Every structure is written in C-alpha cells, then in structure tokens.
Amino acid sequence: FVEDDDVIREATQLALERDGFVVTAMPDG
C-alpha cells in the first residue's frame, strides 16, 4: 500500500489488517 497521507495510510492499513491481510505501507513511490 503506497499512500503519502499519514492518516489515510495508517487507517487503511489497520482496516486491511483487521480483514486478514498482511500490509506493507509506504509513504512514497
């Protein structure tokens, strides 16, 4: 998951992890 907005990145990562995904989140390309 690549997203530069800290709030969106962290909230989305948590939501995906709650659904059972393993997430690697990065702030830039």
mmCIF file of all heavy atoms, coordinates in Angstrom:
data_MODEL
# 
_entry.id   MODEL 
# 
loop_
_atom_site.group_PDB 
_atom_site.id 
_atom_site.type_symbol 
_atom_site.label_atom_id 
_atom_site.label_alt_id 
_atom_site.label_comp_id 
_atom_site.label_asym_id 
_atom_site.label_entity_id 
_atom_site.label_seq_id 
_atom_site.pdbx_PDB_ins_code 
_atom_site.Cartn_x 
_atom_site.Cartn_y 
_atom_site.Cartn_z 
_atom_site.occupancy 
_atom_site.B_iso_or_equiv 
_atom_site.pdbx_formal_charge 
_atom_site.auth_seq_id 
_atom_site.auth_comp_id 
_atom_site.auth_asym_id 
_atom_site.auth_atom_id 
_atom_site.pdbx_PDB_model_num 
ATOM 1   N N   . PHE A 1 1  ? 0.850   -1.188  0.000  1.00 0.00 ? 1  PHE A N   1 
ATOM 2   C CA  . PHE A 1 1  ? 0.000   0.000   0.000  1.00 0.00 ? 1  PHE A CA  1 
ATOM 3   C C   . PHE A 1 1  ? 0.883   1.235   0.000  1.00 0.00 ? 1  PHE A C   1 
ATOM 4   O O   . PHE A 1 1  ? 1.667   1.451   0.922  1.00 0.00 ? 1  PHE A O   1 
ATOM 5   C CB  . PHE A 1 1  ? -0.911  -0.026  1.228  1.00 0.00 ? 1  PHE A CB  1 
ATOM 6   C CG  . PHE A 1 1  ? -1.820  1.162   1.362  1.00 0.00 ? 1  PHE A CG  1 
ATOM 7   C CD1 . PHE A 1 1  ? -2.408  1.754   0.249  1.00 0.00 ? 1  PHE A CD1 1 
ATOM 8   C CD2 . PHE A 1 1  ? -2.108  1.690   2.605  1.00 0.00 ? 1  PHE A CD2 1 
ATOM 9   C CE1 . PHE A 1 1  ? -3.252  2.843   0.371  1.00 0.00 ? 1  PHE A CE1 1 
ATOM 10  C CE2 . PHE A 1 1  ? -2.956  2.775   2.752  1.00 0.00 ? 1  PHE A CE2 1 
ATOM 11  C CZ  . PHE A 1 1  ? -3.529  3.352   1.634  1.00 0.00 ? 1  PHE A CZ  1 
ATOM 12  N N   . VAL A 1 2  ? 0.774   2.046   -1.054 1.00 0.00 ? 2  VAL A N   1 
ATOM 13  C CA  . VAL A 1 2  ? 1.586   3.258   -1.177 1.00 0.00 ? 2  VAL A CA  1 
ATOM 14  C C   . VAL A 1 2  ? 0.661   4.470   -1.115 1.00 0.00 ? 2  VAL A C   1 
ATOM 15  O O   . VAL A 1 2  ? -0.167  4.676   -2.010 1.00 0.00 ? 2  VAL A O   1 
ATOM 16  C CB  . VAL A 1 2  ? 2.402   3.262   -2.490 1.00 0.00 ? 2  VAL A CB  1 
ATOM 17  C CG1 . VAL A 1 2  ? 3.265   4.516   -2.573 1.00 0.00 ? 2  VAL A CG1 1 
ATOM 18  C CG2 . VAL A 1 2  ? 3.274   2.006   -2.579 1.00 0.00 ? 2  VAL A CG2 1 
ATOM 19  N N   . GLU A 1 3  ? 0.816   5.267   -0.066 1.00 0.00 ? 3  GLU A N   1 
ATOM 20  C CA  . GLU A 1 3  ? -0.060  6.420   0.189  1.00 0.00 ? 3  GLU A CA  1 
ATOM 21  C C   . GLU A 1 3  ? 0.710   7.417   1.042  1.00 0.00 ? 3  GLU A C   1 
ATOM 22  O O   . GLU A 1 3  ? 1.284   7.048   2.076  1.00 0.00 ? 3  GLU A O   1 
ATOM 23  C CB  . GLU A 1 3  ? -1.323  5.949   0.920  1.00 0.00 ? 3  GLU A CB  1 
ATOM 24  C CG  . GLU A 1 3  ? -2.162  7.039   1.554  1.00 0.00 ? 3  GLU A CG  1 
ATOM 25  C CD  . GLU A 1 3  ? -2.741  8.013   0.551  1.00 0.00 ? 3  GLU A CD  1 
ATOM 26  O OE1 . GLU A 1 3  ? -3.549  7.592   -0.294 1.00 0.00 ? 3  GLU A OE1 1 
ATOM 27  O OE2 . GLU A 1 3  ? -2.360  9.211   0.622  1.00 0.00 ? 3  GLU A OE2 1 
ATOM 28  N N   . ASP A 1 4  ? 0.757   8.688   0.611  1.00 0.00 ? 4  ASP A N   1 
ATOM 29  C CA  . ASP A 1 4  ? 1.546   9.676   1.332  1.00 0.00 ? 4  ASP A CA  1 
ATOM 30  C C   . ASP A 1 4  ? 0.802   10.345  2.479  1.00 0.00 ? 4  ASP A C   1 
ATOM 31  O O   . ASP A 1 4  ? 1.433   10.942  3.359  1.00 0.00 ? 4  ASP A O   1 
ATOM 32  C CB  . ASP A 1 4  ? 2.089   10.734  0.373  1.00 0.00 ? 4  ASP A CB  1 
ATOM 33  C CG  . ASP A 1 4  ? 0.985   11.543  -0.287 1.00 0.00 ? 4  ASP A CG  1 
ATOM 34  O OD1 . ASP A 1 4  ? -0.070  10.952  -0.612 1.00 0.00 ? 4  ASP A OD1 1 
ATOM 35  O OD2 . ASP A 1 4  ? 1.172   12.755  -0.492 1.00 0.00 ? 4  ASP A OD2 1 
ATOM 36  N N   . ASP A 1 5  ? -0.518  10.279  2.502  1.00 0.00 ? 5  ASP A N   1 
ATOM 37  C CA  . ASP A 1 5  ? -1.284  10.865  3.594  1.00 0.00 ? 5  ASP A CA  1 
ATOM 38  C C   . ASP A 1 5  ? -1.203  9.932   4.805  1.00 0.00 ? 5  ASP A C   1 
ATOM 39  O O   . ASP A 1 5  ? -1.687  8.797   4.765  1.00 0.00 ? 5  ASP A O   1 
ATOM 40  C CB  . ASP A 1 5  ? -2.743  11.063  3.167  1.00 0.00 ? 5  ASP A CB  1 
ATOM 41  C CG  . ASP A 1 5  ? -3.562  11.798  4.211  1.00 0.00 ? 5  ASP A CG  1 
ATOM 42  O OD1 . ASP A 1 5  ? -3.740  11.244  5.310  1.00 0.00 ? 5  ASP A OD1 1 
ATOM 43  O OD2 . ASP A 1 5  ? -4.033  12.908  3.922  1.00 0.00 ? 5  ASP A OD2 1 
ATOM 44  N N   . ASP A 1 6  ? -0.603  10.428  5.902  1.00 0.00 ? 6  ASP A N   1 
ATOM 45  C CA  . ASP A 1 6  ? -0.366  9.585   7.073  1.00 0.00 ? 6  ASP A CA  1 
ATOM 46  C C   . ASP A 1 6  ? -1.658  9.019   7.651  1.00 0.00 ? 6  ASP A C   1 
ATOM 47  O O   . ASP A 1 6  ? -1.724  7.847   8.041  1.00 0.00 ? 6  ASP A O   1 
ATOM 48  C CB  . ASP A 1 6  ? 0.369   10.377  8.160  1.00 0.00 ? 6  ASP A CB  1 
ATOM 49  C CG  . ASP A 1 6  ? 1.785   10.766  7.745  1.00 0.00 ? 6  ASP A CG  1 
ATOM 50  O OD1 . ASP A 1 6  ? 2.320   10.133  6.819  1.00 0.00 ? 6  ASP A OD1 1 
ATOM 51  O OD2 . ASP A 1 6  ? 2.340   11.701  8.355  1.00 0.00 ? 6  ASP A OD2 1 
ATOM 52  N N   . VAL A 1 7  ? -2.691  9.846   7.748  1.00 0.00 ? 7  VAL A N   1 
ATOM 53  C CA  . VAL A 1 7  ? -3.956  9.411   8.348  1.00 0.00 ? 7  VAL A CA  1 
ATOM 54  C C   . VAL A 1 7  ? -4.599  8.314   7.502  1.00 0.00 ? 7  VAL A C   1 
ATOM 55  O O   . VAL A 1 7  ? -5.021  7.265   8.015  1.00 0.00 ? 7  VAL A O   1 
ATOM 56  C CB  . VAL A 1 7  ? -4.910  10.601  8.526  1.00 0.00 ? 7  VAL A CB  1 
ATOM 57  C CG1 . VAL A 1 7  ? -6.272  10.113  9.014  1.00 0.00 ? 7  VAL A CG1 1 
ATOM 58  C CG2 . VAL A 1 7  ? -4.330  11.614  9.499  1.00 0.00 ? 7  VAL A CG2 1 
ATOM 59  N N   . ILE A 1 8  ? -4.679  8.556   6.189  1.00 0.00 ? 8  ILE A N   1 
ATOM 60  C CA  . ILE A 1 8  ? -5.290  7.573   5.297  1.00 0.00 ? 8  ILE A CA  1 
ATOM 61  C C   . ILE A 1 8  ? -4.468  6.280   5.291  1.00 0.00 ? 8  ILE A C   1 
ATOM 62  O O   . ILE A 1 8  ? -5.022  5.174   5.340  1.00 0.00 ? 8  ILE A O   1 
ATOM 63  C CB  . ILE A 1 8  ? -5.411  8.128   3.870  1.00 0.00 ? 8  ILE A CB  1 
ATOM 64  C CG1 . ILE A 1 8  ? -6.388  9.307   3.839  1.00 0.00 ? 8  ILE A CG1 1 
ATOM 65  C CG2 . ILE A 1 8  ? -5.873  7.027   2.902  1.00 0.00 ? 8  ILE A CG2 1 
ATOM 66  C CD1 . ILE A 1 8  ? -6.489  9.985   2.484  1.00 0.00 ? 8  ILE A CD1 1 
ATOM 67  N N   . ARG A 1 9  ? -3.147  6.429   5.242  1.00 0.00 ? 9  ARG A N   1 
ATOM 68  C CA  . ARG A 1 9  ? -2.292  5.240   5.186  1.00 0.00 ? 9  ARG A CA  1 
ATOM 69  C C   . ARG A 1 9  ? -2.460  4.376   6.433  1.00 0.00 ? 9  ARG A C   1 
ATOM 70  O O   . ARG A 1 9  ? -2.629  3.155   6.335  1.00 0.00 ? 9  ARG A O   1 
ATOM 71  C CB  . ARG A 1 9  ? -0.828  5.659   5.020  1.00 0.00 ? 9  ARG A CB  1 
ATOM 72  C CG  . ARG A 1 9  ? 0.110   4.473   4.792  1.00 0.00 ? 9  ARG A CG  1 
ATOM 73  C CD  . ARG A 1 9  ? 1.545   4.905   4.525  1.00 0.00 ? 9  ARG A CD  1 
ATOM 74  N NE  . ARG A 1 9  ? 2.158   5.607   5.645  1.00 0.00 ? 9  ARG A NE  1 
ATOM 75  C CZ  . ARG A 1 9  ? 2.354   6.918   5.691  1.00 0.00 ? 9  ARG A CZ  1 
ATOM 76  N NH1 . ARG A 1 9  ? 2.010   7.687   4.682  1.00 0.00 ? 9  ARG A NH1 1 
ATOM 77  N NH2 . ARG A 1 9  ? 2.920   7.471   6.757  1.00 0.00 ? 9  ARG A NH2 1 
ATOM 78  N N   . GLU A 1 10 ? -2.422  5.020   7.607  1.00 0.00 ? 10 GLU A N   1 
ATOM 79  C CA  . GLU A 1 10 ? -2.499  4.249   8.838  1.00 0.00 ? 10 GLU A CA  1 
ATOM 80  C C   . GLU A 1 10 ? -3.887  3.660   9.046  1.00 0.00 ? 10 GLU A C   1 
ATOM 81  O O   . GLU A 1 10 ? -4.022  2.493   9.446  1.00 0.00 ? 10 GLU A O   1 
ATOM 82  C CB  . GLU A 1 10 ? -2.115  5.146   10.019 1.00 0.00 ? 10 GLU A CB  1 
ATOM 83  C CG  . GLU A 1 10 ? -0.646  5.556   9.993  1.00 0.00 ? 10 GLU A CG  1 
ATOM 84  C CD  . GLU A 1 10 ? -0.312  6.613   11.020 1.00 0.00 ? 10 GLU A CD  1 
ATOM 85  O OE1 . GLU A 1 10 ? -1.180  6.896   11.880 1.00 0.00 ? 10 GLU A OE1 1 
ATOM 86  O OE2 . GLU A 1 10 ? 0.804   7.161   10.979 1.00 0.00 ? 10 GLU A OE2 1 
ATOM 87  N N   . ALA A 1 11 ? -4.923  4.429   8.756  1.00 0.00 ? 11 ALA A N   1 
ATOM 88  C CA  . ALA A 1 11 ? -6.283  3.925   8.952  1.00 0.00 ? 11 ALA A CA  1 
ATOM 89  C C   . ALA A 1 11 ? -6.590  2.787   7.992  1.00 0.00 ? 11 ALA A C   1 
ATOM 90  O O   . ALA A 1 11 ? -7.210  1.775   8.376  1.00 0.00 ? 11 ALA A O   1 
ATOM 91  C CB  . ALA A 1 11 ? -7.294  5.062   8.756  1.00 0.00 ? 11 ALA A CB  1 
ATOM 92  N N   . THR A 1 12 ? -6.162  2.927   6.738  1.00 0.00 ? 12 THR A N   1 
ATOM 93  C CA  . THR A 1 12 ? -6.419  1.882   5.751  1.00 0.00 ? 12 THR A CA  1 
ATOM 94  C C   . THR A 1 12 ? -5.625  0.623   6.073  1.00 0.00 ? 12 THR A C   1 
ATOM 95  O O   . THR A 1 12 ? -6.134  -0.500  5.936  1.00 0.00 ? 12 THR A O   1 
ATOM 96  C CB  . THR A 1 12 ? -6.064  2.381   4.339  1.00 0.00 ? 12 THR A CB  1 
ATOM 97  O OG1 . THR A 1 12 ? -6.817  3.567   4.059  1.00 0.00 ? 12 THR A OG1 1 
ATOM 98  C CG2 . THR A 1 12 ? -6.391  1.325   3.292  1.00 0.00 ? 12 THR A CG2 1 
ATOM 99  N N   . GLN A 1 13 ? -4.383  0.806   6.503  1.00 0.00 ? 13 GLN A N   1 
ATOM 100 C CA  . GLN A 1 13 ? -3.576  -0.357  6.878  1.00 0.00 ? 13 GLN A CA  1 
ATOM 101 C C   . GLN A 1 13 ? -4.246  -1.135  8.001  1.00 0.00 ? 13 GLN A C   1 
ATOM 102 O O   . GLN A 1 13 ? -4.346  -2.372  7.944  1.00 0.00 ? 13 GLN A O   1 
ATOM 103 C CB  . GLN A 1 13 ? -2.175  0.078   7.295  1.00 0.00 ? 13 GLN A CB  1 
ATOM 104 C CG  . GLN A 1 13 ? -1.294  -1.105  7.714  1.00 0.00 ? 13 GLN A CG  1 
ATOM 105 C CD  . GLN A 1 13 ? 0.138   -0.697  8.010  1.00 0.00 ? 13 GLN A CD  1 
ATOM 106 O OE1 . GLN A 1 13 ? 0.486   0.477   7.906  1.00 0.00 ? 13 GLN A OE1 1 
ATOM 107 N NE2 . GLN A 1 13 ? 0.977   -1.663  8.359  1.00 0.00 ? 13 GLN A NE2 1 
ATOM 108 N N   . LEU A 1 14 ? -4.734  -0.440  9.014  1.00 0.00 ? 14 LEU A N   1 
ATOM 109 C CA  . LEU A 1 14 ? -5.408  -1.106  10.123 1.00 0.00 ? 14 LEU A CA  1 
ATOM 110 C C   . LEU A 1 14 ? -6.661  -1.829  9.658  1.00 0.00 ? 14 LEU A C   1 
ATOM 111 O O   . LEU A 1 14 ? -6.937  -2.963  10.076 1.00 0.00 ? 14 LEU A O   1 
ATOM 112 C CB  . LEU A 1 14 ? -5.756  -0.086  11.209 1.00 0.00 ? 14 LEU A CB  1 
ATOM 113 C CG  . LEU A 1 14 ? -4.590  0.459   12.032 1.00 0.00 ? 14 LEU A CG  1 
ATOM 114 C CD1 . LEU A 1 14 ? -5.064  1.582   12.951 1.00 0.00 ? 14 LEU A CD1 1 
ATOM 115 C CD2 . LEU A 1 14 ? -3.939  -0.650  12.853 1.00 0.00 ? 14 LEU A CD2 1 
ATOM 116 N N   . ALA A 1 15 ? -7.426  -1.177  8.771  1.00 0.00 ? 15 ALA A N   1 
ATOM 117 C CA  . ALA A 1 15 ? -8.659  -1.796  8.269  1.00 0.00 ? 15 ALA A CA  1 
ATOM 118 C C   . ALA A 1 15 ? -8.356  -3.065  7.483  1.00 0.00 ? 15 ALA A C   1 
ATOM 119 O O   . ALA A 1 15 ? -9.035  -4.087  7.625  1.00 0.00 ? 15 ALA A O   1 
ATOM 120 C CB  . ALA A 1 15 ? -9.417  -0.791  7.402  1.00 0.00 ? 15 ALA A CB  1 
ATOM 121 N N   . LEU A 1 16 ? -7.331  -3.014  6.639  1.00 0.00 ? 16 LEU A N   1 
ATOM 122 C CA  . LEU A 1 16 ? -6.969  -4.189  5.850  1.00 0.00 ? 16 LEU A CA  1 
ATOM 123 C C   . LEU A 1 16 ? -6.445  -5.311  6.737  1.00 0.00 ? 16 LEU A C   1 
ATOM 124 O O   . LEU A 1 16 ? -6.752  -6.492  6.516  1.00 0.00 ? 16 LEU A O   1 
ATOM 125 C CB  . LEU A 1 16 ? -5.931  -3.805  4.795  1.00 0.00 ? 16 LEU A CB  1 
ATOM 126 C CG  . LEU A 1 16 ? -6.395  -2.881  3.680  1.00 0.00 ? 16 LEU A CG  1 
ATOM 127 C CD1 . LEU A 1 16 ? -5.226  -2.514  2.767  1.00 0.00 ? 16 LEU A CD1 1 
ATOM 128 C CD2 . LEU A 1 16 ? -7.511  -3.512  2.866  1.00 0.00 ? 16 LEU A CD2 1 
ATOM 129 N N   . GLU A 1 17 ? -5.660  -4.950  7.741  1.00 0.00 ? 17 GLU A N   1 
ATOM 130 C CA  . GLU A 1 17 ? -5.128  -5.968  8.647  1.00 0.00 ? 17 GLU A CA  1 
ATOM 131 C C   . GLU A 1 17 ? -6.241  -6.623  9.455  1.00 0.00 ? 17 GLU A C   1 
ATOM 132 O O   . GLU A 1 17 ? -6.187  -7.835  9.747  1.00 0.00 ? 17 GLU A O   1 
ATOM 133 C CB  . GLU A 1 17 ? -4.074  -5.350  9.559  1.00 0.00 ? 17 GLU A CB  1 
ATOM 134 C CG  . GLU A 1 17 ? -2.786  -4.998  8.811  1.00 0.00 ? 17 GLU A CG  1 
ATOM 135 C CD  . GLU A 1 17 ? -1.775  -4.265  9.652  1.00 0.00 ? 17 GLU A CD  1 
ATOM 136 O OE1 . GLU A 1 17 ? -2.158  -3.711  10.717 1.00 0.00 ? 17 GLU A OE1 1 
ATOM 137 O OE2 . GLU A 1 17 ? -0.598  -4.216  9.259  1.00 0.00 ? 17 GLU A OE2 1 
ATOM 138 N N   . ARG A 1 18 ? -7.275  -5.855  9.807  1.00 0.00 ? 18 ARG A N   1 
ATOM 139 C CA  . ARG A 1 18 ? -8.415  -6.442  10.512 1.00 0.00 ? 18 ARG A CA  1 
ATOM 140 C C   . ARG A 1 18 ? -9.133  -7.467  9.641  1.00 0.00 ? 18 ARG A C   1 
ATOM 141 O O   . ARG A 1 18 ? -9.748  -8.408  10.155 1.00 0.00 ? 18 ARG A O   1 
ATOM 142 C CB  . ARG A 1 18 ? -9.391  -5.346  10.953 1.00 0.00 ? 18 ARG A CB  1 
ATOM 143 C CG  . ARG A 1 18 ? -8.952  -4.583  12.188 1.00 0.00 ? 18 ARG A CG  1 
ATOM 144 C CD  . ARG A 1 18 ? -10.119 -3.826  12.799 1.00 0.00 ? 18 ARG A CD  1 
ATOM 145 N NE  . ARG A 1 18 ? -10.666 -2.837  11.880 1.00 0.00 ? 18 ARG A NE  1 
ATOM 146 C CZ  . ARG A 1 18 ? -10.274 -1.568  11.825 1.00 0.00 ? 18 ARG A CZ  1 
ATOM 147 N NH1 . ARG A 1 18 ? -9.316  -1.138  12.637 1.00 0.00 ? 18 ARG A NH1 1 
ATOM 148 N NH2 . ARG A 1 18 ? -10.820 -0.734  10.979 1.00 0.00 ? 18 ARG A NH2 1 
ATOM 149 N N   . ASP A 1 19 ? -9.046  -7.274  8.315  1.00 0.00 ? 19 ASP A N   1 
ATOM 150 C CA  . ASP A 1 19 ? -9.675  -8.225  7.395  1.00 0.00 ? 19 ASP A CA  1 
ATOM 151 C C   . ASP A 1 19 ? -8.749  -9.374  7.028  1.00 0.00 ? 19 ASP A C   1 
ATOM 152 O O   . ASP A 1 19 ? -9.064  -10.161 6.141  1.00 0.00 ? 19 ASP A O   1 
ATOM 153 C CB  . ASP A 1 19 ? -10.136 -7.501  6.130  1.00 0.00 ? 19 ASP A CB  1 
ATOM 154 C CG  . ASP A 1 19 ? -11.535 -6.929  6.270  1.00 0.00 ? 19 ASP A CG  1 
ATOM 155 O OD1 . ASP A 1 19 ? -12.495 -7.687  6.049  1.00 0.00 ? 19 ASP A OD1 1 
ATOM 156 O OD2 . ASP A 1 19 ? -11.665 -5.746  6.626  1.00 0.00 ? 19 ASP A OD2 1 
ATOM 157 N N   . GLY A 1 20 ? -7.608  -9.462  7.678  1.00 0.00 ? 20 GLY A N   1 
ATOM 158 C CA  . GLY A 1 20 ? -6.744  -10.614 7.498  1.00 0.00 ? 20 GLY A CA  1 
ATOM 159 C C   . GLY A 1 20 ? -5.611  -10.451 6.509  1.00 0.00 ? 20 GLY A C   1 
ATOM 160 O O   . GLY A 1 20 ? -4.879  -11.416 6.250  1.00 0.00 ? 20 GLY A O   1 
ATOM 161 N N   . PHE A 1 21 ? -5.437  -9.239  5.952  1.00 0.00 ? 21 PHE A N   1 
ATOM 162 C CA  . PHE A 1 21 ? -4.347  -9.004  5.016  1.00 0.00 ? 21 PHE A CA  1 
ATOM 163 C C   . PHE A 1 21 ? -3.055  -8.661  5.764  1.00 0.00 ? 21 PHE A C   1 
ATOM 164 O O   . PHE A 1 21 ? -3.088  -8.061  6.837  1.00 0.00 ? 21 PHE A O   1 
ATOM 165 C CB  . PHE A 1 21 ? -4.679  -7.855  4.066  1.00 0.00 ? 21 PHE A CB  1 
ATOM 166 C CG  . PHE A 1 21 ? -5.845  -8.122  3.165  1.00 0.00 ? 21 PHE A CG  1 
ATOM 167 C CD1 . PHE A 1 21 ? -7.091  -7.589  3.447  1.00 0.00 ? 21 PHE A CD1 1 
ATOM 168 C CD2 . PHE A 1 21 ? -5.704  -8.903  2.024  1.00 0.00 ? 21 PHE A CD2 1 
ATOM 169 C CE1 . PHE A 1 21 ? -8.175  -7.821  2.615  1.00 0.00 ? 21 PHE A CE1 1 
ATOM 170 C CE2 . PHE A 1 21 ? -6.774  -9.146  1.190  1.00 0.00 ? 21 PHE A CE2 1 
ATOM 171 C CZ  . PHE A 1 21 ? -8.012  -8.616  1.485  1.00 0.00 ? 21 PHE A CZ  1 
ATOM 172 N N   . VAL A 1 22 ? -1.935  -9.029  5.175  1.00 0.00 ? 22 VAL A N   1 
ATOM 173 C CA  . VAL A 1 22 ? -0.637  -8.556  5.638  1.00 0.00 ? 22 VAL A CA  1 
ATOM 174 C C   . VAL A 1 22 ? -0.287  -7.337  4.793  1.00 0.00 ? 22 VAL A C   1 
ATOM 175 O O   . VAL A 1 22 ? -0.301  -7.416  3.557  1.00 0.00 ? 22 VAL A O   1 
ATOM 176 C CB  . VAL A 1 22 ? 0.448   -9.639  5.482  1.00 0.00 ? 22 VAL A CB  1 
ATOM 177 C CG1 . VAL A 1 22 ? 1.815   -9.084  5.855  1.00 0.00 ? 22 VAL A CG1 1 
ATOM 178 C CG2 . VAL A 1 22 ? 0.112   -10.847 6.332  1.00 0.00 ? 22 VAL A CG2 1 
ATOM 179 N N   . VAL A 1 23 ? -0.007  -6.210  5.434  1.00 0.00 ? 23 VAL A N   1 
ATOM 180 C CA  . VAL A 1 23 ? 0.148   -4.946  4.713  1.00 0.00 ? 23 VAL A CA  1 
ATOM 181 C C   . VAL A 1 23 ? 1.544   -4.363  4.916  1.00 0.00 ? 23 VAL A C   1 
ATOM 182 O O   . VAL A 1 23 ? 2.023   -4.237  6.042  1.00 0.00 ? 23 VAL A O   1 
ATOM 183 C CB  . VAL A 1 23 ? -0.906  -3.913  5.165  1.00 0.00 ? 23 VAL A CB  1 
ATOM 184 C CG1 . VAL A 1 23 ? -0.751  -2.614  4.377  1.00 0.00 ? 23 VAL A CG1 1 
ATOM 185 C CG2 . VAL A 1 23 ? -2.314  -4.472  5.004  1.00 0.00 ? 23 VAL A CG2 1 
ATOM 186 N N   . THR A 1 24 ? 2.182   -4.023  3.790  1.00 0.00 ? 24 THR A N   1 
ATOM 187 C CA  . THR A 1 24 ? 3.392   -3.202  3.822  1.00 0.00 ? 24 THR A CA  1 
ATOM 188 C C   . THR A 1 24 ? 3.003   -1.832  3.296  1.00 0.00 ? 24 THR A C   1 
ATOM 189 O O   . THR A 1 24 ? 2.599   -1.702  2.139  1.00 0.00 ? 24 THR A O   1 
ATOM 190 C CB  . THR A 1 24 ? 4.506   -3.800  2.940  1.00 0.00 ? 24 THR A CB  1 
ATOM 191 O OG1 . THR A 1 24 ? 4.877   -5.076  3.454  1.00 0.00 ? 24 THR A OG1 1 
ATOM 192 C CG2 . THR A 1 24 ? 5.727   -2.881  2.926  1.00 0.00 ? 24 THR A CG2 1 
ATOM 193 N N   . ALA A 1 25 ? 3.060   -0.815  4.156  1.00 0.00 ? 25 ALA A N   1 
ATOM 194 C CA  . ALA A 1 25 ? 2.613   0.533   3.797  1.00 0.00 ? 25 ALA A CA  1 
ATOM 195 C C   . ALA A 1 25 ? 3.809   1.454   3.640  1.00 0.00 ? 25 ALA A C   1 
ATOM 196 O O   . ALA A 1 25 ? 4.678   1.511   4.521  1.00 0.00 ? 25 ALA A O   1 
ATOM 197 C CB  . ALA A 1 25 ? 1.654   1.075   4.850  1.00 0.00 ? 25 ALA A CB  1 
ATOM 198 N N   . MET A 1 26 ? 3.845   2.177   2.529  1.00 0.00 ? 26 MET A N   1 
ATOM 199 C CA  . MET A 1 26 ? 4.948   3.082   2.235  1.00 0.00 ? 26 MET A CA  1 
ATOM 200 C C   . MET A 1 26 ? 4.418   4.473   1.885  1.00 0.00 ? 26 MET A C   1 
ATOM 201 O O   . MET A 1 26 ? 3.365   4.588   1.239  1.00 0.00 ? 26 MET A O   1 
ATOM 202 C CB  . MET A 1 26 ? 5.790   2.550   1.085  1.00 0.00 ? 26 MET A CB  1 
ATOM 203 C CG  . MET A 1 26 ? 6.584   1.296   1.429  1.00 0.00 ? 26 MET A CG  1 
ATOM 204 S SD  . MET A 1 26 ? 7.811   1.651   2.701  1.00 0.00 ? 26 MET A SD  1 
ATOM 205 C CE  . MET A 1 26 ? 8.395   -0.003  3.086  1.00 0.00 ? 26 MET A CE  1 
ATOM 206 N N   . PRO A 1 27 ? 5.167   5.552   2.256  1.00 0.00 ? 27 PRO A N   1 
ATOM 207 C CA  . PRO A 1 27 ? 4.683   6.909   2.044  1.00 0.00 ? 27 PRO A CA  1 
ATOM 208 C C   . PRO A 1 27 ? 5.033   7.524   0.699  1.00 0.00 ? 27 PRO A C   1 
ATOM 209 O O   . PRO A 1 27 ? 4.555   8.612   0.379  1.00 0.00 ? 27 PRO A O   1 
ATOM 210 C CB  . PRO A 1 27 ? 5.363   7.686   3.177  1.00 0.00 ? 27 PRO A CB  1 
ATOM 211 C CG  . PRO A 1 27 ? 6.678   6.982   3.350  1.00 0.00 ? 27 PRO A CG  1 
ATOM 212 C CD  . PRO A 1 27 ? 6.383   5.530   3.106  1.00 0.00 ? 27 PRO A CD  1 
ATOM 213 N N   . ASP A 1 28 ? 5.896   6.875   -0.093 1.00 0.00 ? 28 ASP A N   1 
ATOM 214 C CA  . ASP A 1 28 ? 6.222   7.447   -1.398 1.00 0.00 ? 28 ASP A CA  1 
ATOM 215 C C   . ASP A 1 28 ? 6.530   6.334   -2.401 1.00 0.00 ? 28 ASP A C   1 
ATOM 216 O O   . ASP A 1 28 ? 6.712   5.168   -2.026 1.00 0.00 ? 28 ASP A O   1 
ATOM 217 C CB  . ASP A 1 28 ? 7.375   8.442   -1.309 1.00 0.00 ? 28 ASP A CB  1 
ATOM 218 C CG  . ASP A 1 28 ? 8.711   7.802   -0.941 1.00 0.00 ? 28 ASP A CG  1 
ATOM 219 O OD1 . ASP A 1 28 ? 9.204   6.959   -1.714 1.00 0.00 ? 28 ASP A OD1 1 
ATOM 220 O OD2 . ASP A 1 28 ? 9.260   8.148   0.116  1.00 0.00 ? 28 ASP A OD2 1 
ATOM 221 N N   . GLY A 1 29 ? 6.577   6.720   -3.668 1.00 0.00 ? 29 GLY A N   1 
ATOM 222 C CA  . GLY A 1 29 ? 6.713   5.736   -4.723 1.00 0.00 ? 29 GLY A CA  1 
ATOM 223 C C   . GLY A 1 29 ? 8.048   5.030   -4.776 1.00 0.00 ? 29 GLY A C   1 
ATOM 224 O O   . GLY A 1 29 ? 8.126   3.843   -5.101 1.00 0.00 ? 29 GLY A O   1 
# 
